[in-house]
Amino acid sequence: MQSLSITPRASRATSSTNSSNRRRNAAARLVCALAVALIAALVPALAQAAKPAERYHAHFSDSFSAQLCGIDVNVELVGTDNFFILDDGTFRDTYSIRGTITNPLNGTSVVLSSAGRASGPPPVIDEQAGTITFQPTIKGLAQKIQTAHGPVLLRDAGIIAFAATFDLASGELIAHETTVNKGPHPDADSDFKRFCDVISSAPT
């Protein structure tokens, strides 16, 4: 599987919440988009089985520099998020995110959009291995990439589920497996190579 590299370098956050947490959340959202999700089917049985124990609502914007697919870029994000953690540890999430990725060397940019609903079981933590695994199901527009004033370059939409394992200490993505794919999800079908192909050719 191709390595997905998003390395935040400097932040100019305008979020109402903690800047560093928002930047990490933004990067995580982008990773989800690359992994085809950035996002979620609410299972009716889940909604009936448990009442919300915790609810988080956020409207945020953030600006930061990063290295994405080997290219130094500036990222501008804006979005809303409604996140529920239920009594049994399961979660559901409804979100909408729009990001502009710009190459500062030439000013060219692409726009990444993601909107939908996600749900999943509690994360699985393996303390001995030092890992945490998430298994979300995502329904909606996982990602759409288009030029700032031009055509759509890549679009993934439908239902997709995957298992993603991260290192607990570093947050690095260790393994990713798609378990359900009812697309079209051309990026997922390419083992997530299409995203970097688009990013590498568009904002350069």
C-alpha atoms as a PDB file:
ATOM      1  CA  MET A   1       0.000   0.000   0.000  1.00  0.00           C
ATOM      2  CA  GLN A   2       1.269   3.475  -0.769  1.00  0.00           C
ATOM      3  CA  SER A   3       2.430   5.511   2.190  1.00  0.00           C
ATOM      4  CA  LEU A   4       0.283   8.579   2.846  1.00  0.00           C
ATOM      5  CA  SER A   5       2.386  11.439   4.134  1.00  0.00           C
ATOM      6  CA  ILE A   6       0.847  14.519   5.738  1.00  0.00           C
ATOM      7  CA  THR A   7       3.393  16.352   7.881  1.00  0.00           C
ATOM      8  CA  PRO A   8       2.177  19.581   9.545  1.00  0.00           C
ATOM      9  CA  ARG A   9       4.977  22.167   9.669  1.00  0.00           C
ATOM     10  CA  ALA A  10       3.618  25.486  10.883  1.00  0.00           C
ATOM     11  CA  SER A  11       0.146  26.590  11.953  1.00  0.00           C
ATOM     12  CA  ARG A  12      -1.774  29.855  11.755  1.00  0.00           C
ATOM     13  CA  ALA A  13      -4.941  28.472  13.331  1.00  0.00           C
ATOM     14  CA  THR A  14      -8.114  30.546  13.571  1.00  0.00           C
ATOM     15  CA  SER A  15     -10.102  27.811  15.319  1.00  0.00           C
ATOM     16  CA  SER A  16     -12.044  28.579  18.461  1.00  0.00           C
ATOM     17  CA  THR A  17     -10.590  25.410  20.006  1.00  0.00           C
ATOM     18  CA  ASN A  18      -6.988  24.510  20.811  1.00  0.00           C
ATOM     19  CA  SER A  19      -4.797  25.145  17.757  1.00  0.00           C
ATOM     20  CA  SER A  20      -2.601  22.072  17.961  1.00  0.00           C
ATOM     21  CA  ASN A  21      -5.567  19.747  18.544  1.00  0.00           C
ATOM     22  CA  ARG A  22      -7.414  21.264  15.602  1.00  0.00           C
ATOM     23  CA  ARG A  23      -4.391  20.888  13.367  1.00  0.00           C
ATOM     24  CA  ARG A  24      -4.082  17.198  14.301  1.00  0.00           C
ATOM     25  CA  ASN A  25      -7.808  16.736  13.702  1.00  0.00           C
ATOM     26  CA  ALA A  26      -7.495  18.450  10.318  1.00  0.00           C
ATOM     27  CA  ALA A  27      -4.638  16.193   9.320  1.00  0.00           C
ATOM     28  CA  ALA A  28      -6.574  13.163  10.488  1.00  0.00           C
ATOM     29  CA  ARG A  29      -9.538  14.247   8.383  1.00  0.00           C
ATOM     30  CA  LEU A  30      -7.307  14.547   5.342  1.00  0.00           C
ATOM     31  CA  VAL A  31      -5.909  11.090   6.002  1.00  0.00           C
ATOM     32  CA  CYS A  32      -9.460   9.763   6.114  1.00  0.00           C
ATOM     33  CA  ALA A  33     -10.133  11.449   2.811  1.00  0.00           C
ATOM     34  CA  LEU A  34      -7.040   9.881   1.290  1.00  0.00           C
ATOM     35  CA  ALA A  35      -7.998   6.536   2.704  1.00  0.00           C
ATOM     36  CA  VAL A  36     -11.387   7.144   1.236  1.00  0.00           C
ATOM     37  CA  ALA A  37     -13.462   7.783   3.591  1.00  0.00           C
ATOM     38  CA  LEU A  38     -13.029  11.869   4.829  1.00  0.00           C
ATOM     39  CA  ILE A  39     -16.492  10.368   5.826  1.00  0.00           C
ATOM     40  CA  ALA A  40     -20.591   7.553   7.213  1.00  0.00           C
ATOM     41  CA  ALA A  41     -23.588   5.417   7.512  1.00  0.00           C
ATOM     42  CA  LEU A  42     -25.613   5.644  10.710  1.00  0.00           C
ATOM     43  CA  VAL A  43     -26.727   2.120  11.494  1.00  0.00           C
ATOM     44  CA  PRO A  44     -30.378   2.282  12.664  1.00  0.00           C
ATOM     45  CA  ALA A  45     -29.864  -0.514  15.151  1.00  0.00           C
ATOM     46  CA  LEU A  46     -27.021   1.435  16.707  1.00  0.00           C
ATOM     47  CA  ALA A  47     -29.134   4.533  17.124  1.00  0.00           C
ATOM     48  CA  GLN A  48     -31.836   2.505  18.864  1.00  0.00           C
ATOM     49  CA  ALA A  49     -29.469   0.509  21.031  1.00  0.00           C
ATOM     50  CA  ALA A  50     -27.917   3.371  22.975  1.00  0.00           C
ATOM     51  CA  LYS A  51     -28.529   6.993  23.848  1.00  0.00           C
ATOM     52  CA  PRO A  52     -25.846   9.647  23.334  1.00  0.00           C
ATOM     53  CA  ALA A  53     -23.506   9.809  26.322  1.00  0.00           C
ATOM     54  CA  GLU A  54     -21.330  12.633  24.998  1.00  0.00           C
ATOM     55  CA  ARG A  55     -21.840  15.120  22.207  1.00  0.00           C
ATOM     56  CA  TYR A  56     -19.358  17.470  20.589  1.00  0.00           C
ATOM     57  CA  HIS A  57     -20.149  20.222  18.112  1.00  0.00           C
ATOM     58  CA  ALA A  58     -17.518  22.311  16.399  1.00  0.00           C
ATOM     59  CA  HIS A  59     -17.275  24.875  13.648  1.00  0.00           C
ATOM     60  CA  PHE A  60     -13.658  25.435  12.784  1.00  0.00           C
ATOM     61  CA  SER A  61     -11.186  26.973  10.393  1.00  0.00           C
ATOM     62  CA  ASP A  62      -7.466  26.396  10.270  1.00  0.00           C
ATOM     63  CA  SER A  63      -4.419  27.315   8.208  1.00  0.00           C
ATOM     64  CA  PHE A  64      -1.131  25.462   8.219  1.00  0.00           C
ATOM     65  CA  SER A  65       1.804  24.372   6.099  1.00  0.00           C
ATOM     66  CA  ALA A  66       2.337  20.693   5.390  1.00  0.00           C
ATOM     67  CA  GLN A  67       4.097  18.207   3.166  1.00  0.00           C
ATOM     68  CA  LEU A  68       1.488  16.297   1.200  1.00  0.00           C
ATOM     69  CA  CYS A  69       2.480  13.523  -1.207  1.00  0.00           C
ATOM     70  CA  GLY A  70       6.024  14.857  -1.160  1.00  0.00           C
ATOM     71  CA  ILE A  71       5.009  18.431  -2.020  1.00  0.00           C
ATOM     72  CA  ASP A  72       5.244  21.415   0.339  1.00  0.00           C
ATOM     73  CA  VAL A  73       1.790  23.025   0.417  1.00  0.00           C
ATOM     74  CA  ASN A  74      -0.332  25.483   2.366  1.00  0.00           C
ATOM     75  CA  VAL A  75      -3.670  24.145   3.608  1.00  0.00           C
ATOM     76  CA  GLU A  76      -6.776  26.192   4.448  1.00  0.00           C
ATOM     77  CA  LEU A  77      -9.604  24.263   6.121  1.00  0.00           C
ATOM     78  CA  VAL A  78     -13.131  25.160   7.179  1.00  0.00           C
ATOM     79  CA  GLY A  79     -15.782  22.782   8.449  1.00  0.00           C
ATOM     80  CA  THR A  80     -18.426  21.709  10.902  1.00  0.00           C
ATOM     81  CA  ASP A  81     -18.580  18.538  12.958  1.00  0.00           C
ATOM     82  CA  ASN A  82     -21.208  16.882  15.172  1.00  0.00           C
ATOM     83  CA  PHE A  83     -19.706  13.952  17.032  1.00  0.00           C
ATOM     84  CA  PHE A  84     -21.501  11.570  19.415  1.00  0.00           C
ATOM     85  CA  ILE A  85     -19.973   8.968  21.724  1.00  0.00           C
ATOM     86  CA  LEU A  86     -22.617   6.555  22.984  1.00  0.00           C
ATOM     87  CA  ASP A  87     -22.813   4.726  26.298  1.00  0.00           C
ATOM     88  CA  ASP A  88     -21.539   1.508  24.741  1.00  0.00           C
ATOM     89  CA  GLY A  89     -18.481   3.240  23.315  1.00  0.00           C
ATOM     90  CA  THR A  90     -19.688   3.330  19.721  1.00  0.00           C
ATOM     91  CA  PHE A  91     -19.694   6.643  17.861  1.00  0.00           C
ATOM     92  CA  ARG A  92     -21.457   8.498  15.110  1.00  0.00           C
ATOM     93  CA  ASP A  93     -20.351  11.619  13.333  1.00  0.00           C
ATOM     94  CA  THR A  94     -21.834  14.058  10.829  1.00  0.00           C
ATOM     95  CA  TYR A  95     -19.461  16.472   9.174  1.00  0.00           C
ATOM     96  CA  SER A  96     -18.733  18.809   6.303  1.00  0.00           C
ATOM     97  CA  ILE A  97     -15.190  19.908   5.415  1.00  0.00           C
ATOM     98  CA  ARG A  98     -13.709  22.026   2.648  1.00  0.00           C
ATOM     99  CA  GLY A  99      -9.989  22.475   2.201  1.00  0.00           C
ATOM    100  CA  THR A 100      -7.880  24.455  -0.235  1.00  0.00           C
ATOM    101  CA  ILE A 101      -4.427  23.016  -0.930  1.00  0.00           C
ATOM    102  CA  THR A 102      -2.032  25.527  -2.484  1.00  0.00           C
ATOM    103  CA  ASN A 103       1.499  25.211  -3.798  1.00  0.00           C
ATOM    104  CA  PRO A 104       3.219  28.365  -2.450  1.00  0.00           C
ATOM    105  CA  LEU A 105       5.863  28.258  -5.191  1.00  0.00           C
ATOM    106  CA  ASN A 106       3.441  28.960  -8.039  1.00  0.00           C
ATOM    107  CA  GLY A 107       0.101  29.790  -6.387  1.00  0.00           C
ATOM    108  CA  THR A 108      -1.818  26.920  -8.021  1.00  0.00           C
ATOM    109  CA  SER A 109      -4.359  25.141  -5.858  1.00  0.00           C
ATOM    110  CA  VAL A 110      -6.964  22.408  -5.651  1.00  0.00           C
ATOM    111  CA  VAL A 111     -10.088  22.243  -3.500  1.00  0.00           C
ATOM    112  CA  LEU A 112     -10.868  19.141  -1.451  1.00  0.00           C
ATOM    113  CA  SER A 113     -14.417  18.617  -0.167  1.00  0.00           C
ATOM    114  CA  SER A 114     -15.788  15.927   2.128  1.00  0.00           C
ATOM    115  CA  ALA A 115     -19.237  15.570   3.674  1.00  0.00           C
ATOM    116  CA  GLY A 116     -21.190  12.709   5.152  1.00  0.00           C
ATOM    117  CA  ARG A 117     -21.890  10.545   8.158  1.00  0.00           C
ATOM    118  CA  ALA A 118     -19.708   8.018   9.936  1.00  0.00           C
ATOM    119  CA  SER A 119     -20.279   5.415  12.620  1.00  0.00           C
ATOM    120  CA  GLY A 120     -18.311   2.649  14.187  1.00  0.00           C
ATOM    121  CA  PRO A 121     -17.478   0.500  17.203  1.00  0.00           C
ATOM    122  CA  PRO A 122     -15.128   1.623  19.979  1.00  0.00           C
ATOM    123  CA  PRO A 123     -11.479   1.732  18.922  1.00  0.00           C
ATOM    124  CA  VAL A 124      -9.415  -1.342  19.732  1.00  0.00           C
ATOM    125  CA  ILE A 125      -6.326  -0.524  21.787  1.00  0.00           C
ATOM    126  CA  ASP A 126      -3.476  -3.036  21.921  1.00  0.00           C
ATOM    127  CA  GLU A 127      -1.250  -1.725  24.702  1.00  0.00           C
ATOM    128  CA  GLN A 128       1.326  -4.471  24.216  1.00  0.00           C
ATOM    129  CA  ALA A 129       1.715  -3.631  20.540  1.00  0.00           C
ATOM    130  CA  GLY A 130       1.262   0.092  21.165  1.00  0.00           C
ATOM    131  CA  THR A 131      -1.471   0.462  18.540  1.00  0.00           C
ATOM    132  CA  ILE A 132      -5.043   1.690  18.207  1.00  0.00           C
ATOM    133  CA  THR A 133      -7.422   0.493  15.471  1.00  0.00           C
ATOM    134  CA  PHE A 134     -10.501   2.323  14.192  1.00  0.00           C
ATOM    135  CA  GLN A 135     -13.201   0.618  12.113  1.00  0.00           C
ATOM    136  CA  PRO A 136     -15.499   3.332  10.745  1.00  0.00           C
ATOM    137  CA  THR A 137     -18.221   2.995   8.155  1.00  0.00           C
ATOM    138  CA  ILE A 138     -18.604   6.096   6.008  1.00  0.00           C
ATOM    139  CA  LYS A 139     -21.515   7.154   3.846  1.00  0.00           C
ATOM    140  CA  GLY A 140     -21.608  10.210   1.613  1.00  0.00           C
ATOM    141  CA  LEU A 141     -19.006  12.209  -0.267  1.00  0.00           C
ATOM    142  CA  ALA A 142     -15.733  10.730   0.946  1.00  0.00           C
ATOM    143  CA  GLN A 143     -13.757  13.177  -1.128  1.00  0.00           C
ATOM    144  CA  LYS A 144     -13.965  15.427  -4.139  1.00  0.00           C
ATOM    145  CA  ILE A 145     -10.898  17.156  -5.553  1.00  0.00           C
ATOM    146  CA  GLN A 146     -11.230  19.879  -8.148  1.00  0.00           C
ATOM    147  CA  THR A 147      -9.233  22.817  -9.408  1.00  0.00           C
ATOM    148  CA  ALA A 148     -10.071  26.186  -7.897  1.00  0.00           C
ATOM    149  CA  HIS A 149     -12.023  27.301 -10.977  1.00  0.00           C
ATOM    150  CA  GLY A 150     -12.142  24.171 -13.072  1.00  0.00           C
ATOM    151  CA  PRO A 151     -13.223  20.552 -13.409  1.00  0.00           C
ATOM    152  CA  VAL A 152     -13.494  17.733 -10.869  1.00  0.00           C
ATOM    153  CA  LEU A 153     -10.255  15.736 -10.832  1.00  0.00           C
ATOM    154  CA  LEU A 154     -11.226  12.942  -8.434  1.00  0.00           C
ATOM    155  CA  ARG A 155     -14.458  11.969  -6.692  1.00  0.00           C
ATOM    156  CA  ASP A 156     -15.212   9.147  -4.252  1.00  0.00           C
ATOM    157  CA  ALA A 157     -18.758   8.696  -2.944  1.00  0.00           C
ATOM    158  CA  GLY A 158     -21.038   5.984  -1.597  1.00  0.00           C
ATOM    159  CA  ILE A 159     -20.479   3.626   1.324  1.00  0.00           C
ATOM    160  CA  ILE A 160     -17.068   2.482   2.454  1.00  0.00           C
ATOM    161  CA  ALA A 161     -15.777   0.804   5.603  1.00  0.00           C
ATOM    162  CA  PHE A 162     -12.228   0.176   6.647  1.00  0.00           C
ATOM    163  CA  ALA A 163      -9.930  -0.765   9.506  1.00  0.00           C
ATOM    164  CA  ALA A 164      -7.080   1.662  10.155  1.00  0.00           C
ATOM    165  CA  THR A 165      -4.349   0.953  12.705  1.00  0.00           C
ATOM    166  CA  PHE A 166      -2.196   3.750  14.118  1.00  0.00           C
ATOM    167  CA  ASP A 167       0.817   3.863  16.403  1.00  0.00           C
ATOM    168  CA  LEU A 168      -0.380   5.067  19.812  1.00  0.00           C
ATOM    169  CA  ALA A 169       2.713   7.151  20.469  1.00  0.00           C
ATOM    170  CA  SER A 170       3.354   8.795  17.112  1.00  0.00           C
ATOM    171  CA  GLY A 171      -0.083   8.638  15.469  1.00  0.00           C
ATOM    172  CA  GLU A 172       1.529   7.177  12.333  1.00  0.00           C
ATOM    173  CA  LEU A 173      -0.722   5.084  10.089  1.00  0.00           C
ATOM    174  CA  ILE A 174       0.596   1.503  10.281  1.00  0.00           C
ATOM    175  CA  ALA A 175      -1.983  -0.509   8.348  1.00  0.00           C
ATOM    176  CA  HIS A 176      -5.185   0.092   6.405  1.00  0.00           C
ATOM    177  CA  GLU A 177      -7.702  -2.347   4.972  1.00  0.00           C
ATOM    178  CA  THR A 178     -10.916  -1.591   3.098  1.00  0.00           C
ATOM    179  CA  THR A 179     -13.641  -3.994   4.241  1.00  0.00           C
ATOM    180  CA  VAL A 180     -16.694  -2.620   2.373  1.00  0.00           C
ATOM    181  CA  ASN A 181     -16.672  -0.703  -0.898  1.00  0.00           C
ATOM    182  CA  LYS A 182     -19.944   0.353  -2.518  1.00  0.00           C
ATOM    183  CA  GLY A 183     -18.816   3.235  -4.661  1.00  0.00           C
ATOM    184  CA  PRO A 184     -17.719   4.532  -7.003  1.00  0.00           C
ATOM    185  CA  HIS A 185     -14.493   4.951  -5.030  1.00  0.00           C
ATOM    186  CA  PRO A 186     -11.762   5.219  -7.679  1.00  0.00           C
ATOM    187  CA  ASP A 187      -9.163   6.309  -5.133  1.00  0.00           C
ATOM    188  CA  ALA A 188      -9.837   3.302  -2.912  1.00  0.00           C
ATOM    189  CA  ASP A 189      -9.833   1.055  -5.968  1.00  0.00           C
ATOM    190  CA  SER A 190      -6.338   2.323  -6.806  1.00  0.00           C
ATOM    191  CA  ASP A 191      -5.117   1.542  -3.280  1.00  0.00           C
ATOM    192  CA  PHE A 192      -5.169   5.310  -2.692  1.00  0.00           C
ATOM    193  CA  LYS A 193      -2.597   6.119  -5.359  1.00  0.00           C
ATOM    194  CA  ARG A 194      -4.973   8.323  -7.343  1.00  0.00           C
ATOM    195  CA  PHE A 195      -5.026  10.999  -4.634  1.00  0.00           C
ATOM    196  CA  CYS A 196      -1.274  11.572  -4.768  1.00  0.00           C
ATOM    197  CA  ASP A 197      -1.330  11.346  -8.565  1.00  0.00           C
ATOM    198  CA  VAL A 198      -3.866  14.190  -8.628  1.00  0.00           C
ATOM    199  CA  ILE A 199      -2.139  16.242  -5.942  1.00  0.00           C
ATOM    200  CA  SER A 200       1.238  15.800  -7.588  1.00  0.00           C
ATOM    201  CA  SER A 201       0.019  16.920 -10.992  1.00  0.00           C
ATOM    202  CA  ALA A 202      -2.451  19.660 -10.048  1.00  0.00           C
ATOM    203  CA  PRO A 203      -0.826  22.114  -7.597  1.00  0.00           C
ATOM    204  CA  THR A 204       2.600  22.093  -9.261  1.00  0.00           C
END
